[in-house]
């Protein structure tokens, strides 16, 4: 079941709350592969969750993000990033 055009609620919510407005080119000067970007997205979220702490809330957050389609978010970020187009624009 899709949610607002995204794979599911978790993917939509994580993209909205964490990645909305982020320009991937700030962290990747050269356009990353889809796998590189997806791994980076997941690591970015986990890092910030670990900064908040451990315990029950962390466990629930980790369970929530297990449903996220990281490749979908990564593709969206790659498409929206400020990389030059192949024709030089």
N, C-alpha and C. Protein backbone atom coordinates (compact mmCIF):
# COMPACT_ATOMS: atom_id res chain seq x y z
N UNK A 1 0.84 -1.18 0.00
CA UNK A 1 0.00 0.00 0.00
C UNK A 1 0.89 1.24 0.00
N UNK A 2 0.62 2.16 -0.90
CA UNK A 2 1.43 3.38 -0.96
C UNK A 2 0.84 4.46 -0.05
N UNK A 3 1.67 5.46 0.23
CA UNK A 3 1.25 6.55 1.09
C UNK A 3 1.76 7.86 0.49
N UNK A 4 0.84 8.72 0.07
CA UNK A 4 1.19 10.01 -0.53
C UNK A 4 2.21 9.87 -1.66
N UNK A 5 2.11 8.79 -2.43
CA UNK A 5 3.01 8.57 -3.54
C UNK A 5 4.30 7.86 -3.17
N UNK A 6 4.49 7.56 -1.90
CA UNK A 6 5.68 6.85 -1.43
C UNK A 6 5.32 5.40 -1.14
N UNK A 7 6.32 4.55 -1.02
CA UNK A 7 6.12 3.12 -0.78
C UNK A 7 5.19 2.86 0.41
N UNK A 8 5.41 3.58 1.51
CA UNK A 8 4.64 3.37 2.73
C UNK A 8 4.76 4.60 3.63
N UNK A 9 4.06 4.56 4.75
CA UNK A 9 4.05 5.68 5.68
C UNK A 9 5.45 5.97 6.22
N UNK A 10 6.19 4.93 6.59
CA UNK A 10 7.51 5.13 7.18
C UNK A 10 8.44 5.86 6.20
N UNK A 11 8.42 5.46 4.94
CA UNK A 11 9.27 6.09 3.93
C UNK A 11 8.87 7.55 3.75
N UNK A 12 7.58 7.80 3.62
CA UNK A 12 7.09 9.17 3.45
C UNK A 12 7.48 10.04 4.66
N UNK A 13 7.27 9.52 5.86
CA UNK A 13 7.49 10.30 7.08
C UNK A 13 8.96 10.61 7.30
N UNK A 14 9.83 9.62 7.09
CA UNK A 14 11.27 9.85 7.26
C UNK A 14 11.75 10.86 6.22
N UNK A 15 11.30 10.72 4.99
CA UNK A 15 11.69 11.70 3.97
C UNK A 15 11.21 13.09 4.36
N UNK A 16 9.98 13.21 4.79
CA UNK A 16 9.41 14.51 5.15
C UNK A 16 10.12 15.12 6.35
N UNK A 17 10.30 14.35 7.40
CA UNK A 17 10.81 14.89 8.66
C UNK A 17 12.33 15.05 8.68
N UNK A 18 13.05 14.25 7.92
CA UNK A 18 14.51 14.28 8.03
C UNK A 18 15.19 14.79 6.77
N UNK A 19 14.70 14.41 5.62
CA UNK A 19 15.42 14.74 4.38
C UNK A 19 14.82 15.88 3.58
N UNK A 20 13.64 16.35 3.91
CA UNK A 20 13.02 17.43 3.16
C UNK A 20 13.92 18.67 3.19
N UNK A 21 14.27 19.16 2.02
CA UNK A 21 15.11 20.35 1.92
C UNK A 21 16.60 20.07 1.93
N UNK A 22 17.00 18.84 2.14
CA UNK A 22 18.42 18.48 2.15
C UNK A 22 18.90 18.35 0.71
N UNK A 23 20.06 18.91 0.41
CA UNK A 23 20.64 18.79 -0.92
C UNK A 23 21.78 17.78 -0.83
N UNK A 24 21.61 16.65 -1.45
CA UNK A 24 22.58 15.56 -1.39
C UNK A 24 23.95 15.99 -1.89
N UNK A 25 24.00 16.96 -2.77
CA UNK A 25 25.30 17.41 -3.30
C UNK A 25 26.15 18.10 -2.23
N UNK A 26 25.55 18.49 -1.12
CA UNK A 26 26.33 19.05 -0.01
C UNK A 26 27.23 17.98 0.62
N UNK A 27 26.78 16.73 0.60
CA UNK A 27 27.54 15.63 1.19
C UNK A 27 28.24 14.77 0.15
N UNK A 28 27.77 14.81 -1.07
CA UNK A 28 28.36 14.06 -2.18
C UNK A 28 28.64 15.03 -3.32
N UNK A 29 29.88 15.55 -3.42
CA UNK A 29 30.18 16.47 -4.51
C UNK A 29 29.98 15.85 -5.89
N UNK A 30 30.23 14.54 -5.98
CA UNK A 30 29.96 13.81 -7.22
C UNK A 30 28.73 12.95 -7.00
N UNK A 31 27.91 12.85 -8.01
CA UNK A 31 26.66 12.10 -7.91
C UNK A 31 26.93 10.67 -7.44
N UNK A 32 26.33 10.25 -6.31
CA UNK A 32 26.55 8.90 -5.80
C UNK A 32 25.70 7.87 -6.54
N UNK A 33 26.09 6.62 -6.39
CA UNK A 33 25.24 5.55 -6.91
C UNK A 33 24.01 5.47 -6.02
N UNK A 34 22.99 4.80 -6.50
CA UNK A 34 21.77 4.64 -5.71
C UNK A 34 22.07 3.91 -4.40
N UNK A 35 22.89 2.87 -4.46
CA UNK A 35 23.23 2.11 -3.25
C UNK A 35 24.02 2.95 -2.26
N UNK A 36 24.97 3.74 -2.74
CA UNK A 36 25.74 4.63 -1.86
C UNK A 36 24.82 5.62 -1.15
N UNK A 37 23.92 6.21 -1.91
CA UNK A 37 23.01 7.19 -1.34
C UNK A 37 22.03 6.55 -0.36
N UNK A 38 21.53 5.37 -0.68
CA UNK A 38 20.61 4.67 0.22
C UNK A 38 21.30 4.30 1.52
N UNK A 39 22.53 3.79 1.44
CA UNK A 39 23.28 3.46 2.65
C UNK A 39 23.53 4.71 3.48
N UNK A 40 23.90 5.80 2.82
CA UNK A 40 24.14 7.05 3.52
C UNK A 40 22.87 7.53 4.23
N UNK A 41 21.73 7.44 3.58
CA UNK A 41 20.46 7.87 4.18
C UNK A 41 20.19 7.09 5.47
N UNK A 42 20.32 5.78 5.40
CA UNK A 42 20.06 4.95 6.58
C UNK A 42 21.05 5.29 7.69
N UNK A 43 22.33 5.38 7.35
CA UNK A 43 23.35 5.70 8.36
C UNK A 43 23.10 7.08 8.98
N UNK A 44 22.67 8.03 8.18
CA UNK A 44 22.37 9.38 8.65
C UNK A 44 21.27 9.34 9.71
N UNK A 45 20.22 8.60 9.43
CA UNK A 45 19.11 8.50 10.38
C UNK A 45 19.53 7.76 11.64
N UNK A 46 20.20 6.63 11.48
CA UNK A 46 20.63 5.85 12.65
C UNK A 46 21.58 6.67 13.51
N UNK A 47 22.51 7.39 12.89
CA UNK A 47 23.43 8.23 13.66
C UNK A 47 22.67 9.23 14.53
N UNK A 48 21.68 9.89 13.94
CA UNK A 48 20.92 10.88 14.71
C UNK A 48 20.05 10.24 15.78
N UNK A 49 19.55 9.06 15.53
CA UNK A 49 18.80 8.35 16.57
C UNK A 49 19.71 7.96 17.72
N UNK A 50 20.91 7.51 17.40
CA UNK A 50 21.85 7.12 18.46
C UNK A 50 22.30 8.32 19.29
N UNK A 51 22.31 9.50 18.69
CA UNK A 51 22.66 10.72 19.42
C UNK A 51 21.65 11.01 20.52
N UNK A 52 20.40 10.65 20.28
CA UNK A 52 19.34 10.91 21.24
C UNK A 52 19.42 9.94 22.42
N UNK A 53 19.84 8.72 22.17
CA UNK A 53 20.00 7.77 23.25
C UNK A 53 19.51 6.39 22.90
N UNK A 54 19.48 5.59 23.92
CA UNK A 54 19.06 4.19 23.79
C UNK A 54 17.80 3.97 24.61
N UNK A 55 17.36 2.74 24.64
CA UNK A 55 16.19 2.41 25.44
C UNK A 55 14.99 2.09 24.57
N UNK A 56 13.84 2.09 25.19
CA UNK A 56 12.61 1.69 24.54
C UNK A 56 12.27 2.58 23.34
N UNK A 57 12.39 3.89 23.49
CA UNK A 57 12.08 4.79 22.38
C UNK A 57 13.01 4.54 21.19
N UNK A 58 14.29 4.31 21.46
CA UNK A 58 15.24 4.01 20.40
C UNK A 58 14.85 2.71 19.71
N UNK A 59 14.48 1.71 20.48
CA UNK A 59 14.08 0.42 19.91
C UNK A 59 12.85 0.58 19.01
N UNK A 60 11.88 1.37 19.45
CA UNK A 60 10.71 1.62 18.61
C UNK A 60 11.08 2.39 17.34
N UNK A 61 11.97 3.36 17.47
CA UNK A 61 12.41 4.12 16.30
C UNK A 61 13.13 3.21 15.31
N UNK A 62 13.97 2.32 15.79
CA UNK A 62 14.68 1.40 14.91
C UNK A 62 13.69 0.46 14.23
N UNK A 63 12.68 0.03 14.95
CA UNK A 63 11.65 -0.83 14.34
C UNK A 63 10.91 -0.06 13.25
N UNK A 64 10.62 1.21 13.51
CA UNK A 64 9.92 2.04 12.53
C UNK A 64 10.74 2.19 11.26
N UNK A 65 12.04 2.50 11.41
CA UNK A 65 12.84 2.74 10.21
C UNK A 65 13.16 1.45 9.45
N UNK A 66 12.88 0.30 10.05
CA UNK A 66 13.11 -0.95 9.32
C UNK A 66 12.15 -1.09 8.14
N UNK A 67 11.06 -0.32 8.16
CA UNK A 67 10.09 -0.35 7.07
C UNK A 67 10.38 0.68 5.97
N UNK A 68 11.40 1.51 6.17
CA UNK A 68 11.70 2.58 5.21
C UNK A 68 12.33 2.00 3.94
N UNK A 69 11.88 2.50 2.80
CA UNK A 69 12.47 2.15 1.51
C UNK A 69 13.58 3.17 1.25
N UNK A 70 14.79 2.84 1.68
CA UNK A 70 15.92 3.76 1.59
C UNK A 70 16.28 4.07 0.14
N UNK A 71 16.12 3.11 -0.74
CA UNK A 71 16.43 3.35 -2.15
C UNK A 71 15.47 4.38 -2.76
N UNK A 72 14.23 4.35 -2.33
CA UNK A 72 13.27 5.32 -2.84
C UNK A 72 13.64 6.73 -2.39
N UNK A 73 13.99 6.89 -1.13
CA UNK A 73 14.41 8.20 -0.63
C UNK A 73 15.68 8.64 -1.34
N UNK A 74 16.64 7.72 -1.47
CA UNK A 74 17.90 8.05 -2.14
C UNK A 74 17.66 8.51 -3.57
N UNK A 75 16.80 7.81 -4.30
CA UNK A 75 16.52 8.20 -5.68
C UNK A 75 15.90 9.59 -5.73
N UNK A 76 15.01 9.87 -4.82
CA UNK A 76 14.39 11.19 -4.74
C UNK A 76 15.45 12.26 -4.47
N UNK A 77 16.35 12.00 -3.53
CA UNK A 77 17.40 12.97 -3.21
C UNK A 77 18.35 13.17 -4.38
N UNK A 78 18.70 12.11 -5.07
CA UNK A 78 19.58 12.22 -6.24
C UNK A 78 18.88 13.07 -7.31
N UNK A 79 17.60 12.80 -7.54
CA UNK A 79 16.85 13.55 -8.56
C UNK A 79 16.74 15.02 -8.23
N UNK A 80 16.65 15.34 -6.95
CA UNK A 80 16.45 16.72 -6.51
C UNK A 80 17.76 17.46 -6.27
N UNK A 81 18.89 16.76 -6.24
CA UNK A 81 20.18 17.38 -5.90
C UNK A 81 20.64 18.33 -7.00
N UNK A 82 21.53 19.22 -6.63
CA UNK A 82 22.05 20.24 -7.55
C UNK A 82 23.28 19.73 -8.29
N UNK A 83 23.09 18.68 -9.07
CA UNK A 83 24.18 18.17 -9.91
C UNK A 83 24.00 18.71 -11.32
N UNK A 84 25.13 18.98 -12.00
CA UNK A 84 25.00 19.44 -13.38
C UNK A 84 24.36 18.36 -14.24
N UNK A 85 23.56 18.79 -15.18
CA UNK A 85 22.95 17.84 -16.12
C UNK A 85 23.99 17.41 -17.14
N UNK A 86 23.79 16.28 -17.79
CA UNK A 86 24.78 15.79 -18.77
C UNK A 86 25.10 16.78 -19.89
N UNK A 87 24.15 17.67 -20.21
CA UNK A 87 24.43 18.64 -21.30
C UNK A 87 25.15 19.87 -20.80
N UNK A 88 25.55 19.86 -19.49
CA UNK A 88 26.36 20.95 -18.95
C UNK A 88 25.60 22.04 -18.24
N UNK A 89 24.29 21.96 -18.15
CA UNK A 89 23.50 22.99 -17.48
C UNK A 89 23.47 22.77 -15.98
